[in-house]
N, C-alpha and C. Protein backbone atom coordinates (compact mmCIF):
# COMPACT_ATOMS: atom_id res chain seq x y z
N MET A 1 115.97 107.23 90.32
CA MET A 1 114.84 107.05 90.68
C MET A 1 113.31 107.34 90.03
N GLN A 2 112.44 106.41 90.83
CA GLN A 2 110.88 106.44 90.28
C GLN A 2 110.75 107.42 91.11
N ARG A 3 109.43 107.74 90.17
CA ARG A 3 109.15 109.15 90.55
C ARG A 3 107.97 108.53 90.62
N SER A 4 106.85 109.10 91.12
CA SER A 4 105.32 109.10 91.10
C SER A 4 104.56 109.80 92.45
N ALA A 5 102.98 110.13 91.81
CA ALA A 5 102.53 110.34 93.12
C ALA A 5 101.22 110.83 92.55
N HIS A 6 99.90 110.70 93.66
CA HIS A 6 98.41 110.46 92.76
C HIS A 6 97.74 111.54 93.97
N PHE A 7 96.85 112.38 93.08
CA PHE A 7 96.48 113.53 93.18
C PHE A 7 94.92 113.60 93.35
N SER A 8 94.39 114.11 93.13
CA SER A 8 92.86 114.53 93.50
C SER A 8 92.19 114.48 91.56
N ARG A 9 91.45 114.84 91.73
CA ARG A 9 90.90 114.95 89.87
C ARG A 9 91.81 116.77 89.82
N CYS A 10 91.10 117.25 90.84
CA CYS A 10 91.17 118.84 90.60
C CYS A 10 92.35 119.29 91.63
N ARG A 11 93.31 118.12 91.77
CA ARG A 11 94.52 118.80 91.91
C ARG A 11 94.87 119.07 92.85
N GLN A 12 93.98 119.80 94.03
CA GLN A 12 93.69 120.44 95.58
C GLN A 12 94.46 118.98 96.21
N TYR A 13 94.13 117.48 96.53
CA TYR A 13 94.71 117.38 96.98
C TYR A 13 95.91 116.34 96.23
N ARG A 14 96.74 115.83 97.44
CA ARG A 14 97.54 115.02 96.92
C ARG A 14 97.62 113.64 98.36
N TYR A 15 97.62 112.71 97.79
CA TYR A 15 97.17 111.29 98.62
C TYR A 15 98.56 110.43 99.04
N ALA A 16 99.12 110.86 97.98
CA ALA A 16 100.38 109.59 97.97
C ALA A 16 101.80 109.87 96.65
N LEU A 17 102.85 109.77 97.16
CA LEU A 17 104.08 110.86 96.13
C LEU A 17 104.87 109.67 96.98
N TRP A 18 105.92 108.60 95.82
CA TRP A 18 106.39 107.70 95.75
C TRP A 18 107.75 108.11 95.56
N ARG A 19 108.64 107.41 95.78
CA ARG A 19 110.28 107.80 95.96
C ARG A 19 111.09 106.64 95.64
N ARG A 20 110.89 105.64 94.89
CA ARG A 20 111.99 103.93 94.24
C ARG A 20 113.04 104.17 94.04
N TRP A 21 113.92 103.95 94.75
CA TRP A 21 116.03 103.79 94.24
C TRP A 21 116.07 102.75 94.62
N ALA A 22 115.46 101.39 94.71
CA ALA A 22 116.08 99.63 94.14
C ALA A 22 114.86 99.28 93.90
N GLU A 23 115.07 98.19 93.94
CA GLU A 23 114.28 96.93 93.49
C GLU A 23 113.40 96.65 95.11
N GLY A 24 112.29 96.60 94.88
CA GLY A 24 111.27 95.35 96.50
C GLY A 24 110.46 96.22 96.33
N ASP A 25 109.64 95.18 97.55
CA ASP A 25 108.62 95.82 97.84
C ASP A 25 108.51 96.30 98.67
N ASP A 26 109.53 96.49 99.73
CA ASP A 26 109.17 97.09 100.75
C ASP A 26 109.37 98.38 100.83
N TYR A 27 108.96 99.26 101.36
CA TYR A 27 108.75 100.55 102.02
C TYR A 27 107.92 101.33 103.24
N VAL A 28 109.01 102.81 103.56
CA VAL A 28 108.38 102.96 104.48
C VAL A 28 107.63 103.94 104.02
N LEU A 29 106.10 104.09 104.96
CA LEU A 29 105.02 105.15 104.74
C LEU A 29 105.36 106.10 105.53
N LEU A 30 105.83 107.04 105.64
CA LEU A 30 105.64 108.85 106.16
C LEU A 30 104.49 109.26 106.69
N VAL A 31 103.99 109.14 106.96
CA VAL A 31 102.71 109.93 107.78
C VAL A 31 102.90 111.88 108.21
N ALA A 32 102.98 112.74 107.38
CA ALA A 32 103.50 114.11 107.80
C ALA A 32 101.92 114.50 107.67
N LEU A 33 101.90 116.02 108.16
CA LEU A 33 100.50 117.42 108.24
C LEU A 33 100.02 117.09 106.92
N ASN A 34 100.83 117.43 105.67
CA ASN A 34 100.11 117.98 104.56
C ASN A 34 101.24 118.40 103.43
N PRO A 35 100.37 118.14 103.18
CA PRO A 35 101.66 118.40 101.17
C PRO A 35 102.05 119.46 100.69
N SER A 36 103.33 119.50 100.38
CA SER A 36 103.48 121.28 99.62
C SER A 36 104.16 121.30 98.72
N THR A 37 105.15 121.61 97.76
CA THR A 37 105.51 121.59 96.60
C THR A 37 106.19 120.14 96.34
N ALA A 38 106.63 119.48 96.17
CA ALA A 38 107.04 117.86 95.97
C ALA A 38 105.29 117.59 95.08
N ASP A 39 106.35 116.97 94.41
CA ASP A 39 104.93 116.43 92.84
C ASP A 39 105.85 115.15 92.59
N HIS A 40 105.18 114.45 91.57
CA HIS A 40 105.48 113.72 90.56
C HIS A 40 107.00 113.76 89.80
N ARG A 41 107.34 115.03 89.69
CA ARG A 41 108.82 115.88 89.35
C ARG A 41 110.03 115.94 90.10
N ARG A 42 109.24 116.58 91.37
CA ARG A 42 110.01 117.78 92.03
C ARG A 42 110.38 116.81 93.47
N ASP A 43 111.32 116.98 94.40
CA ASP A 43 111.10 116.57 95.70
C ASP A 43 111.50 118.38 96.55
N ASP A 44 110.78 118.09 97.60
CA ASP A 44 111.20 119.03 98.54
C ASP A 44 112.22 119.18 99.85
N PRO A 45 112.69 119.80 100.65
CA PRO A 45 113.93 119.67 101.96
C PRO A 45 113.20 118.36 102.24
N THR A 46 111.93 118.37 103.06
CA THR A 46 111.79 117.21 103.57
C THR A 46 111.21 116.13 102.86
N ILE A 47 110.93 116.41 101.85
CA ILE A 47 110.82 114.45 100.48
C ILE A 47 112.79 114.54 100.49
N ARG A 48 113.56 115.26 100.62
CA ARG A 48 114.63 114.79 100.14
C ARG A 48 115.50 114.01 101.82
N ARG A 49 114.84 114.37 103.00
CA ARG A 49 115.71 114.15 104.33
C ARG A 49 115.45 112.97 104.60
N CYS A 50 113.59 112.50 103.71
CA CYS A 50 113.09 111.27 104.52
C CYS A 50 113.44 110.34 103.51
N ILE A 51 113.49 111.05 102.45
CA ILE A 51 114.25 109.52 101.41
C ILE A 51 115.69 109.32 101.67
N GLY A 52 116.30 109.93 102.32
CA GLY A 52 117.36 109.59 102.97
C GLY A 52 117.84 108.72 104.71
N PHE A 53 116.05 109.74 105.49
CA PHE A 53 116.24 108.07 106.15
C PHE A 53 115.99 106.98 105.55
N ALA A 54 114.99 106.36 104.74
CA ALA A 54 114.56 105.36 104.19
C ALA A 54 115.76 104.60 103.54
N ARG A 55 116.44 104.99 103.24
CA ARG A 55 117.36 105.02 102.82
C ARG A 55 118.31 104.42 103.52
N ASP A 56 118.90 105.01 104.55
CA ASP A 56 120.11 104.47 105.53
C ASP A 56 118.68 103.44 106.60
N TRP A 57 118.18 103.38 106.38
CA TRP A 57 117.47 101.95 107.37
C TRP A 57 117.28 100.90 106.13
N GLY A 58 117.69 101.24 105.13
CA GLY A 58 117.42 99.55 104.08
C GLY A 58 116.74 99.70 104.06
N TYR A 59 115.86 100.31 103.51
CA TYR A 59 114.31 99.91 102.35
C TYR A 59 114.40 100.14 100.70
N SER A 60 113.77 100.05 100.39
CA SER A 60 113.59 100.27 98.70
C SER A 60 112.68 101.73 98.47
N ALA A 61 111.76 101.89 99.34
CA ALA A 61 111.45 103.01 98.70
C ALA A 61 110.73 103.58 99.96
N LEU A 62 109.89 105.35 99.52
CA LEU A 62 109.03 106.23 100.73
C LEU A 62 108.13 106.55 100.08
N CYS A 63 106.91 106.43 100.46
CA CYS A 63 106.27 106.78 100.31
C CYS A 63 105.30 107.77 101.18
N VAL A 64 104.84 108.92 101.06
CA VAL A 64 104.85 110.11 101.77
C VAL A 64 102.63 110.39 101.77
N ALA A 65 102.13 109.75 102.54
CA ALA A 65 100.84 110.16 103.08
C ALA A 65 101.10 111.88 104.06
N ASN A 66 99.44 112.23 103.97
CA ASN A 66 99.59 113.24 105.35
C ASN A 66 98.05 112.97 106.14
N LEU A 67 97.87 113.60 106.89
CA LEU A 67 96.73 113.79 108.02
C LEU A 67 96.20 114.51 107.02
N PHE A 68 96.51 115.44 106.70
CA PHE A 68 95.13 116.35 105.50
C PHE A 68 96.25 116.15 104.35
N ALA A 69 95.02 115.81 103.17
CA ALA A 69 95.80 115.74 102.05
C ALA A 69 95.61 117.23 100.89
N TYR A 70 94.79 118.00 101.57
CA TYR A 70 95.43 119.68 100.78
C TYR A 70 96.44 119.87 100.72
N ARG A 71 96.80 120.40 99.51
CA ARG A 71 98.06 120.77 99.09
C ARG A 71 98.45 122.46 99.37
N ALA A 72 99.01 122.72 100.50
CA ALA A 72 99.44 124.08 101.38
C ALA A 72 100.63 124.27 101.31
N THR A 73 101.26 125.47 101.44
CA THR A 73 102.72 125.95 102.05
C THR A 73 102.68 125.92 103.41
N TYR A 74 101.62 127.03 104.52
CA TYR A 74 101.79 127.07 105.02
C TYR A 74 100.43 126.63 106.00
N PRO A 75 100.71 126.59 107.17
CA PRO A 75 99.52 125.93 108.12
C PRO A 75 98.33 126.39 108.02
N SER A 76 98.40 127.96 107.76
CA SER A 76 97.30 128.43 107.75
C SER A 76 96.67 128.38 106.45
N ASP A 77 96.72 128.54 105.63
CA ASP A 77 96.42 128.20 104.29
C ASP A 77 95.29 126.48 104.90
N LEU A 78 96.01 125.87 104.95
CA LEU A 78 95.64 124.56 105.43
C LEU A 78 94.32 124.53 106.24
N PHE A 79 94.37 125.43 107.33
CA PHE A 79 93.22 125.76 108.10
C PHE A 79 91.93 126.84 107.78
N ALA A 80 92.32 127.04 106.75
CA ALA A 80 91.44 127.62 106.49
C ALA A 80 90.60 127.20 105.10
N ALA A 81 90.95 125.95 104.81
CA ALA A 81 90.63 125.41 103.85
C ALA A 81 88.97 124.75 104.38
N ALA A 82 88.18 124.32 103.02
CA ALA A 82 87.13 123.85 103.65
C ALA A 82 86.99 122.48 104.17
N ASP A 83 88.02 121.41 103.05
CA ASP A 83 87.69 120.65 103.76
C ASP A 83 89.73 119.59 103.97
N PRO A 84 90.15 120.31 104.58
CA PRO A 84 91.58 120.09 104.79
C PRO A 84 92.08 118.76 104.47
N VAL A 85 90.56 117.52 104.51
CA VAL A 85 91.57 116.24 104.65
C VAL A 85 91.63 115.45 103.51
N GLY A 86 90.82 115.84 102.96
CA GLY A 86 90.52 115.10 101.49
C GLY A 86 89.37 114.47 101.54
N PRO A 87 88.77 114.30 100.27
CA PRO A 87 87.43 112.76 100.21
C PRO A 87 87.99 111.54 99.82
N ARG A 88 88.72 111.41 99.87
CA ARG A 88 89.67 109.93 99.82
C ARG A 88 90.50 109.91 100.87
N ASN A 89 91.08 110.72 101.58
CA ASN A 89 92.31 110.61 101.92
C ASN A 89 92.67 109.84 103.45
N ASP A 90 90.81 109.29 104.12
CA ASP A 90 91.23 107.85 105.04
C ASP A 90 91.51 106.65 104.21
N GLN A 91 91.13 106.57 102.97
CA GLN A 91 90.75 105.15 102.25
C GLN A 91 92.50 105.24 101.92
N TRP A 92 93.43 106.09 101.40
CA TRP A 92 94.52 105.72 100.60
C TRP A 92 95.24 105.83 102.40
N LEU A 93 95.63 106.77 103.18
CA LEU A 93 95.85 106.17 104.99
C LEU A 93 96.05 105.16 104.92
N SER A 94 94.81 103.72 104.81
CA SER A 94 94.48 102.76 105.67
C SER A 94 95.27 101.47 104.37
N LYS A 95 95.16 102.27 103.52
CA LYS A 95 95.40 101.11 102.15
C LYS A 95 97.36 101.30 102.66
N LEU A 96 97.95 102.53 102.28
CA LEU A 96 99.09 102.44 102.44
C LEU A 96 99.96 101.26 103.58
N ALA A 97 99.72 102.27 104.79
CA ALA A 97 100.01 101.73 106.11
C ALA A 97 99.81 100.03 105.93
N ARG A 98 98.21 99.94 105.12
CA ARG A 98 98.34 98.17 105.65
C ARG A 98 99.12 97.38 104.80
N ASP A 99 99.70 97.74 103.78
CA ASP A 99 101.04 96.98 102.71
C ASP A 99 102.41 97.63 103.23
N ALA A 100 102.43 98.53 103.49
CA ALA A 100 104.33 99.35 104.12
C ALA A 100 104.56 98.46 105.43
N SER A 101 106.06 98.80 105.55
CA SER A 101 106.82 97.82 105.91
C SER A 101 107.27 98.19 107.39
N LEU A 102 106.45 99.78 106.88
CA LEU A 102 107.22 100.36 108.39
C LEU A 102 106.55 102.06 108.24
N VAL A 103 105.48 101.99 109.10
CA VAL A 103 104.57 103.56 109.12
C VAL A 103 105.53 104.44 110.44
N VAL A 104 105.85 105.31 109.86
CA VAL A 104 105.95 106.46 110.80
C VAL A 104 105.66 107.52 110.62
N ALA A 105 105.08 108.24 111.84
CA ALA A 105 104.83 109.51 112.15
C ALA A 105 104.75 110.48 112.17
N GLY A 106 105.15 111.65 111.28
CA GLY A 106 105.86 112.72 111.66
C GLY A 106 105.87 114.04 111.31
N TRP A 107 104.12 114.41 111.95
CA TRP A 107 103.45 115.40 111.40
C TRP A 107 103.66 116.99 112.20
N GLY A 108 104.33 116.72 113.33
CA GLY A 108 104.61 117.90 113.77
C GLY A 108 103.85 118.09 115.18
N ASN A 109 103.68 119.62 115.23
CA ASN A 109 102.46 120.75 116.58
C ASN A 109 101.61 120.71 115.76
N HIS A 110 101.05 120.61 114.73
CA HIS A 110 99.72 121.23 114.48
C HIS A 110 98.48 119.86 113.73
N GLY A 111 99.06 118.75 114.33
CA GLY A 111 97.98 117.28 113.62
C GLY A 111 96.52 117.56 114.88
N ARG A 112 96.40 118.10 115.70
CA ARG A 112 95.41 118.29 116.55
C ARG A 112 94.22 119.61 115.79
N HIS A 113 94.67 119.57 115.00
CA HIS A 113 93.60 120.66 114.15
C HIS A 113 92.94 119.89 114.23
N GLY A 114 91.76 119.69 114.26
CA GLY A 114 90.08 119.30 114.00
C GLY A 114 90.23 118.04 114.38
N ASN A 115 90.94 117.64 115.49
CA ASN A 115 91.53 116.47 116.12
C ASN A 115 92.08 115.19 115.16
N ARG A 116 92.27 116.02 114.63
CA ARG A 116 92.72 114.87 113.19
C ARG A 116 93.82 113.65 113.27
N ALA A 117 94.64 114.33 114.46
CA ALA A 117 95.82 113.67 114.59
C ALA A 117 94.94 112.11 115.30
N ALA A 118 94.43 112.53 116.02
CA ALA A 118 93.58 111.27 117.13
C ALA A 118 93.03 110.23 116.36
N GLN A 119 91.97 110.72 115.22
CA GLN A 119 91.40 109.78 114.10
C GLN A 119 92.73 108.58 113.28
N VAL A 120 93.67 109.84 113.34
CA VAL A 120 94.56 108.90 112.61
C VAL A 120 95.28 107.32 113.26
N ARG A 121 95.36 108.06 114.60
CA ARG A 121 96.26 107.22 115.27
C ARG A 121 94.93 106.04 115.51
N ASP A 122 93.84 106.46 115.97
CA ASP A 122 92.88 105.32 115.80
C ASP A 122 93.13 104.86 115.19
N ARG A 123 92.59 104.93 113.53
CA ARG A 123 92.54 103.88 112.51
C ARG A 123 94.16 103.40 112.73
N LEU A 124 95.26 103.47 112.40
CA LEU A 124 96.58 103.34 111.86
C LEU A 124 96.97 101.88 113.25
N GLY A 125 96.54 102.50 114.39
CA GLY A 125 96.99 101.80 115.79
C GLY A 125 98.20 101.45 116.03
N ASP A 126 98.37 100.41 116.48
CA ASP A 126 100.00 100.18 116.89
C ASP A 126 100.80 100.26 115.75
N ALA A 127 100.54 100.17 114.02
CA ALA A 127 101.34 100.49 113.28
C ALA A 127 102.20 101.22 113.88
N LEU A 128 102.08 102.24 113.97
CA LEU A 128 102.79 103.68 114.20
C LEU A 128 104.20 103.87 115.42
N HIS A 129 104.87 104.48 114.14
CA HIS A 129 106.07 104.36 114.60
C HIS A 129 106.38 106.35 114.82
N CYS A 130 107.55 106.67 115.56
CA CYS A 130 107.89 107.85 115.43
C CYS A 130 109.91 107.74 115.15
N LEU A 131 109.98 109.85 115.27
CA LEU A 131 111.38 109.56 115.28
C LEU A 131 111.84 110.19 116.51
N ARG A 132 110.99 110.99 117.10
CA ARG A 132 111.02 111.99 118.53
C ARG A 132 109.76 112.14 118.75
N MET A 133 109.86 112.39 119.20
CA MET A 133 108.51 113.04 120.21
C MET A 133 108.58 114.80 120.50
N ASN A 134 107.32 115.57 120.19
CA ASN A 134 107.68 116.87 120.53
C ASN A 134 107.06 117.18 122.15
N GLY A 135 107.64 117.98 122.76
CA GLY A 135 107.03 118.29 123.85
C GLY A 135 105.17 118.58 124.20
N SER A 136 104.27 118.90 122.82
CA SER A 136 103.38 118.72 122.75
C SER A 136 102.59 117.32 122.77
N GLY A 137 103.82 116.56 123.00
CA GLY A 137 102.69 115.23 122.46
C GLY A 137 102.74 114.50 120.81
N GLU A 138 102.79 115.48 120.33
CA GLU A 138 102.80 115.65 118.53
C GLU A 138 104.52 114.85 118.54
N PRO A 139 104.57 113.32 117.10
CA PRO A 139 105.35 113.37 116.46
C PRO A 139 106.06 114.70 115.87
N ALA A 140 106.99 114.35 116.27
CA ALA A 140 108.42 115.67 115.40
C ALA A 140 108.11 115.63 113.35
N HIS A 141 108.16 116.67 113.18
CA HIS A 141 108.61 116.77 111.62
C HIS A 141 110.23 115.89 111.32
N PRO A 142 110.00 115.59 110.40
CA PRO A 142 111.66 114.58 110.21
C PRO A 142 112.87 115.77 109.76
N LEU A 143 112.07 116.94 109.00
CA LEU A 143 113.15 118.12 108.40
C LEU A 143 114.70 118.04 108.80
N TYR A 144 114.26 118.76 110.09
CA TYR A 144 115.74 118.91 111.25
C TYR A 144 116.45 118.03 112.19
N LEU A 145 115.44 116.72 112.29
CA LEU A 145 115.68 115.98 113.35
C LEU A 145 117.41 115.02 112.81
N PRO A 146 118.11 115.03 113.50
CA PRO A 146 119.14 114.53 113.65
C PRO A 146 119.18 112.62 112.60
N LYS A 147 120.09 112.32 111.72
CA LYS A 147 120.16 111.82 110.69
C LYS A 147 120.14 110.40 111.27
N ALA A 148 120.99 110.26 112.87
CA ALA A 148 120.79 108.58 113.45
C ALA A 148 119.54 108.44 113.89
N LEU A 149 118.96 108.84 114.02
CA LEU A 149 117.83 108.70 114.40
C LEU A 149 116.97 107.17 113.58
N ARG A 150 116.67 106.80 114.32
CA ARG A 150 116.15 105.48 114.35
C ARG A 150 114.64 105.26 114.66
N PRO A 151 113.42 104.61 114.14
CA PRO A 151 112.36 104.66 114.60
C PRO A 151 111.84 104.18 115.44
N ILE A 152 110.71 104.66 116.40
CA ILE A 152 110.67 103.80 117.80
C ILE A 152 108.87 103.65 117.53
N PRO A 153 108.76 102.59 118.55
CA PRO A 153 106.98 102.43 118.49
C PRO A 153 106.35 103.84 119.14
N MET A 154 105.51 104.31 117.95
CA MET A 154 104.89 105.86 119.22
C MET A 154 104.26 105.50 120.69
N PRO A 155 104.69 106.03 121.47
CA PRO A 155 103.56 106.45 123.16
C PRO A 155 102.44 106.18 122.69
N PRO A 156 101.74 106.14 124.12
CA PRO A 156 100.68 106.50 123.71
C PRO A 156 100.19 107.62 123.86
N VAL A 157 98.65 108.04 124.15
CA VAL A 157 98.92 109.56 124.22
C VAL A 157 98.55 109.93 125.45
N ILE A 158 98.61 110.92 126.01
CA ILE A 158 98.79 111.25 127.41
C ILE A 158 98.03 112.72 127.82
N PRO A 159 96.49 112.85 127.96
CA PRO A 159 95.92 113.39 127.38
C PRO A 159 96.55 114.74 128.47
N ALA A 160 96.51 116.20 127.86
CA ALA A 160 97.11 117.53 128.17
C ALA A 160 96.44 117.56 130.14
N ASN A 161 95.30 117.44 130.65
CA ASN A 161 94.79 117.60 131.32
C ASN A 161 95.36 116.67 133.01
N ARG A 162 96.12 115.56 132.68
CA ARG A 162 96.64 114.84 133.02
C ARG A 162 97.30 114.81 134.17
N PRO A 163 97.42 114.83 135.51
CA PRO A 163 98.63 115.37 136.19
C PRO A 163 100.17 114.90 136.30
N ASP A 164 100.06 113.33 135.99
CA ASP A 164 101.38 112.72 135.78
C ASP A 164 102.08 112.73 134.01
N ARG A 165 101.11 113.71 133.65
CA ARG A 165 101.80 114.16 131.94
C ARG A 165 103.51 114.47 132.34
N PRO A 166 104.27 114.09 131.11
CA PRO A 166 105.73 114.69 131.39
C PRO A 166 106.01 115.63 131.82
N GLY A 167 106.17 117.21 132.09
CA GLY A 167 106.61 118.13 132.09
C GLY A 167 105.60 119.23 133.34
N ARG A 168 105.04 118.24 133.69
CA ARG A 168 104.12 119.13 134.76
C ARG A 168 104.21 118.72 136.50
N ARG A 169 103.79 119.96 136.84
CA ARG A 169 103.90 119.75 138.36
C ARG A 169 102.79 119.54 139.34
């Protein structure tokens, strides 16, 4: 397996992590919340899980980018950062999504911090897919989802205060 990652010069931000297991230009882009411990040498449980999904779907590679490029293991550390998005993250997200065969959102319940999920949804538009939506209206994180799931187009955002939002009476 070929492994690579692109970091900021200070290495506080990871903009892209690549895993390639077959020949071909096709790849799945996963847009997660933020980078944790995986790097150009090591996989973490989320990366291993997402490699499995992308392989099962017939793709040659996986690229992982994030709403927030700041490297943190815990959301509290991420949200305490002065600039959790990162100075070049939007450019990376746009290019990676433009070149990807499939773009899957999986940032979980914390994407609303700083209105970031809405910004990225606006930037990436109709290209976004997900595996499942959480009750919060955010795309579920892939780590504990069933292996048999397949990507579906991201449903439109329903504002939390609308009376027709699912689950409201």
